[in-house]
Structures are given as structure tokens and as C-alpha cells.
Amino acid sequence: MSGGNAILIVWTDIPAEEEDAFNEWYNREQVLGRNALRLMNMGD
């Protein structure tokens, strides 16, 4: 599989008082998961 470029844009409507908790969750669950998928695809 050849490398490529991509961009992911996420729009959210999180109340200000919940923004820090949301960002922590998003960075931990979503970003790490996407990196794992990218690494798995690099083995193809």
C-alpha cells in the first residue's frame, strides 16, 4: 500500500464545562485508534 495524505475534520458542539473531559476522551480513544489502524495498514 502506498502512502497518502488525508485530513480529518471533526465538528463538535460540546458545552464549555465539558470540553476538557471531551478532549481527553477524544485524544485517548479516537486518535490512538486511528493511529492503530494506520499502522496495521502499513503492513499491507
PDB file of N, CA and C in Angstrom:
ATOM      1  N   MET A   1       0.856  -1.183   0.000  1.00  0.00           N
ATOM      2  CA  MET A   1       0.000   0.000   0.000  1.00  0.00           C
ATOM      3  C   MET A   1       0.890   1.230   0.000  1.00  0.00           C
ATOM      4  N   SER A   2       0.638   2.139  -0.886  1.00  0.00           N
ATOM      5  CA  SER A   2       1.445   3.350  -0.928  1.00  0.00           C
ATOM      6  C   SER A   2       0.900   4.379   0.061  1.00  0.00           C
ATOM      7  N   GLY A   3       1.772   5.248   0.505  1.00  0.00           N
ATOM      8  CA  GLY A   3       1.372   6.289   1.446  1.00  0.00           C
ATOM      9  C   GLY A   3       0.508   7.325   0.758  1.00  0.00           C
ATOM     10  N   GLY A   4      -0.184   8.096   1.551  1.00  0.00           N
ATOM     11  CA  GLY A   4      -1.051   9.134   1.009  1.00  0.00           C
ATOM     12  C   GLY A   4      -1.246  10.232   2.017  1.00  0.00           C
ATOM     13  N   ASN A   5      -1.979  11.197   1.623  1.00  0.00           N
ATOM     14  CA  ASN A   5      -2.289  12.312   2.512  1.00  0.00           C
ATOM     15  C   ASN A   5      -3.774  12.320   2.789  1.00  0.00           C
ATOM     16  N   ALA A   6      -4.126  12.715   3.973  1.00  0.00           N
ATOM     17  CA  ALA A   6      -5.533  12.800   4.345  1.00  0.00           C
ATOM     18  C   ALA A   6      -5.698  13.873   5.397  1.00  0.00           C
ATOM     19  N   ILE A   7      -6.907  14.325   5.531  1.00  0.00           N
ATOM     20  CA  ILE A   7      -7.231  15.272   6.583  1.00  0.00           C
ATOM     21  C   ILE A   7      -8.570  14.847   7.174  1.00  0.00           C
ATOM     22  N   LEU A   8      -8.667  14.933   8.471  1.00  0.00           N
ATOM     23  CA  LEU A   8      -9.893  14.610   9.172  1.00  0.00           C
ATOM     24  C   LEU A   8     -10.317  15.854   9.936  1.00  0.00           C
ATOM     25  N   ILE A   9     -11.499  16.316   9.661  1.00  0.00           N
ATOM     26  CA  ILE A   9     -12.036  17.490  10.353  1.00  0.00           C
ATOM     27  C   ILE A   9     -13.229  17.035  11.175  1.00  0.00           C
ATOM     28  N   VAL A  10     -13.229  17.399  12.442  1.00  0.00           N
ATOM     29  CA  VAL A  10     -14.299  16.998  13.348  1.00  0.00           C
ATOM     30  C   VAL A  10     -14.938  18.261  13.917  1.00  0.00           C
ATOM     31  N   TRP A  11     -16.247  18.363  13.733  1.00  0.00           N
ATOM     32  CA  TRP A  11     -17.004  19.454  14.340  1.00  0.00           C
ATOM     33  C   TRP A  11     -17.759  18.884  15.533  1.00  0.00           C
ATOM     34  N   THR A  12     -17.695  19.566  16.637  1.00  0.00           N
ATOM     35  CA  THR A  12     -18.430  19.131  17.821  1.00  0.00           C
ATOM     36  C   THR A  12     -19.133  20.324  18.448  1.00  0.00           C
ATOM     37  N   ASP A  13     -20.118  20.027  19.237  1.00  0.00           N
ATOM     38  CA  ASP A  13     -20.841  21.065  19.975  1.00  0.00           C
ATOM     39  C   ASP A  13     -20.856  20.642  21.438  1.00  0.00           C
ATOM     40  N   ILE A  14     -19.731  20.836  22.095  1.00  0.00           N
ATOM     41  CA  ILE A  14     -19.550  20.405  23.472  1.00  0.00           C
ATOM     42  C   ILE A  14     -19.700  21.617  24.387  1.00  0.00           C
ATOM     43  N   PRO A  15     -20.494  21.490  25.445  1.00  0.00           N
ATOM     44  CA  PRO A  15     -20.588  22.596  26.402  1.00  0.00           C
ATOM     45  C   PRO A  15     -19.207  22.919  26.977  1.00  0.00           C
ATOM     46  N   ALA A  16     -18.943  24.184  27.190  1.00  0.00           N
ATOM     47  CA  ALA A  16     -17.624  24.637  27.642  1.00  0.00           C
ATOM     48  C   ALA A  16     -17.169  23.907  28.899  1.00  0.00           C
ATOM     49  N   GLU A  17     -18.089  23.635  29.810  1.00  0.00           N
ATOM     50  CA  GLU A  17     -17.695  22.985  31.064  1.00  0.00           C
ATOM     51  C   GLU A  17     -17.330  21.509  30.866  1.00  0.00           C
ATOM     52  N   GLU A  18     -17.632  20.935  29.727  1.00  0.00           N
ATOM     53  CA  GLU A  18     -17.300  19.540  29.439  1.00  0.00           C
ATOM     54  C   GLU A  18     -16.201  19.388  28.396  1.00  0.00           C
ATOM     55  N   GLU A  19     -15.681  20.496  27.901  1.00  0.00           N
ATOM     56  CA  GLU A  19     -14.723  20.452  26.800  1.00  0.00           C
ATOM     57  C   GLU A  19     -13.424  19.734  27.161  1.00  0.00           C
ATOM     58  N   ASP A  20     -12.873  20.000  28.338  1.00  0.00           N
ATOM     59  CA  ASP A  20     -11.617  19.346  28.722  1.00  0.00           C
ATOM     60  C   ASP A  20     -11.774  17.834  28.798  1.00  0.00           C
ATOM     61  N   ALA A  21     -12.865  17.367  29.415  1.00  0.00           N
ATOM     62  CA  ALA A  21     -13.109  15.921  29.517  1.00  0.00           C
ATOM     63  C   ALA A  21     -13.313  15.313  28.134  1.00  0.00           C
ATOM     64  N   PHE A  22     -14.043  16.016  27.265  1.00  0.00           N
ATOM     65  CA  PHE A  22     -14.249  15.514  25.905  1.00  0.00           C
ATOM     66  C   PHE A  22     -12.928  15.409  25.164  1.00  0.00           C
ATOM     67  N   ASN A  23     -12.093  16.444  25.226  1.00  0.00           N
ATOM     68  CA  ASN A  23     -10.808  16.417  24.526  1.00  0.00           C
ATOM     69  C   ASN A  23      -9.923  15.286  25.024  1.00  0.00           C
ATOM     70  N   GLU A  24      -9.921  15.053  26.323  1.00  0.00           N
ATOM     71  CA  GLU A  24      -9.133  13.955  26.884  1.00  0.00           C
ATOM     72  C   GLU A  24      -9.641  12.615  26.335  1.00  0.00           C
ATOM     73  N   TRP A  25     -10.954  12.421  26.354  1.00  0.00           N
ATOM     74  CA  TRP A  25     -11.535  11.185  25.824  1.00  0.00           C
ATOM     75  C   TRP A  25     -11.220  11.037  24.334  1.00  0.00           C
ATOM     76  N   TYR A  26     -11.434  12.096  23.578  1.00  0.00           N
ATOM     77  CA  TYR A  26     -11.233  12.029  22.123  1.00  0.00           C
ATOM     78  C   TYR A  26      -9.787  11.680  21.791  1.00  0.00           C
ATOM     79  N   ASN A  27      -8.856  12.366  22.438  1.00  0.00           N
ATOM     80  CA  ASN A  27      -7.438  12.109  22.168  1.00  0.00           C
ATOM     81  C   ASN A  27      -7.042  10.687  22.552  1.00  0.00           C
ATOM     82  N   ARG A  28      -7.590  10.180  23.636  1.00  0.00           N
ATOM     83  CA  ARG A  28      -7.247   8.840  24.100  1.00  0.00           C
ATOM     84  C   ARG A  28      -7.904   7.768  23.222  1.00  0.00           C
ATOM     85  N   GLU A  29      -9.178   7.872  22.961  1.00  0.00           N
ATOM     86  CA  GLU A  29      -9.919   6.818  22.275  1.00  0.00           C
ATOM     87  C   GLU A  29      -9.860   6.931  20.756  1.00  0.00           C
ATOM     88  N   GLN A  30     -10.122   8.089  20.228  1.00  0.00           N
ATOM     89  CA  GLN A  30     -10.241   8.244  18.779  1.00  0.00           C
ATOM     90  C   GLN A  30      -8.886   8.364  18.093  1.00  0.00           C
ATOM     91  N   VAL A  31      -8.029   9.220  18.593  1.00  0.00           N
ATOM     92  CA  VAL A  31      -6.741   9.445  17.929  1.00  0.00           C
ATOM     93  C   VAL A  31      -5.880   8.195  18.006  1.00  0.00           C
ATOM     94  N   LEU A  32      -5.806   7.562  19.169  1.00  0.00           N
ATOM     95  CA  LEU A  32      -4.997   6.350  19.286  1.00  0.00           C
ATOM     96  C   LEU A  32      -5.551   5.235  18.404  1.00  0.00           C
ATOM     97  N   GLY A  33      -6.855   5.125  18.334  1.00  0.00           N
ATOM     98  CA  GLY A  33      -7.467   4.109  17.484  1.00  0.00           C
ATOM     99  C   GLY A  33      -7.158   4.328  16.016  1.00  0.00           C
ATOM    100  N   ARG A  34      -7.203   5.562  15.571  1.00  0.00           N
ATOM    101  CA  ARG A  34      -6.892   5.855  14.167  1.00  0.00           C
ATOM    102  C   ARG A  34      -5.429   5.564  13.861  1.00  0.00           C
ATOM    103  N   ASN A  35      -4.539   5.868  14.801  1.00  0.00           N
ATOM    104  CA  ASN A  35      -3.126   5.555  14.589  1.00  0.00           C
ATOM    105  C   ASN A  35      -2.907   4.057  14.512  1.00  0.00           C
ATOM    106  N   ALA A  36      -3.627   3.282  15.314  1.00  0.00           N
ATOM    107  CA  ALA A  36      -3.502   1.823  15.265  1.00  0.00           C
ATOM    108  C   ALA A  36      -3.939   1.308  13.899  1.00  0.00           C
ATOM    109  N   LEU A  37      -5.029   1.838  13.363  1.00  0.00           N
ATOM    110  CA  LEU A  37      -5.476   1.414  12.036  1.00  0.00           C
ATOM    111  C   LEU A  37      -4.459   1.764  10.964  1.00  0.00           C
ATOM    112  N   ARG A  38      -3.880   2.932  11.075  1.00  0.00           N
ATOM    113  CA  ARG A  38      -2.873   3.356  10.090  1.00  0.00           C
ATOM    114  C   ARG A  38      -1.670   2.414  10.130  1.00  0.00           C
ATOM    115  N   LEU A  39      -1.237   2.061  11.327  1.00  0.00           N
ATOM    116  CA  LEU A  39      -0.086   1.172  11.444  1.00  0.00           C
ATOM    117  C   LEU A  39      -0.401  -0.223  10.901  1.00  0.00           C
ATOM    118  N   MET A  40      -1.618  -0.703  11.128  1.00  0.00           N
ATOM    119  CA  MET A  40      -1.999  -2.004  10.591  1.00  0.00           C
ATOM    120  C   MET A  40      -1.992  -1.980   9.071  1.00  0.00           C
ATOM    121  N   ASN A  41      -2.452  -0.895   8.472  1.00  0.00           N
ATOM    122  CA  ASN A  41      -2.494  -0.788   7.011  1.00  0.00           C
ATOM    123  C   ASN A  41      -1.098  -0.672   6.406  1.00  0.00           C
ATOM    124  N   MET A  42      -0.141  -0.188   7.161  1.00  0.00           N
ATOM    125  CA  MET A  42       1.210  -0.063   6.638  1.00  0.00           C
ATOM    126  C   MET A  42       1.854  -1.425   6.393  1.00  0.00           C
ATOM    127  N   GLY A  43       1.328  -2.466   7.027  1.00  0.00           N
ATOM    128  CA  GLY A  43       1.865  -3.798   6.832  1.00  0.00           C
ATOM    129  C   GLY A  43       1.417  -4.452   5.544  1.00  0.00           C
ATOM    130  N   ASP A  44       0.455  -3.855   4.845  1.00  0.00           N
ATOM    131  CA  ASP A  44      -0.052  -4.432   3.592  1.00  0.00           C
ATOM    132  C   ASP A  44       0.937  -4.274   2.460  1.00  0.00           C
TER     133      ASP A  44
END
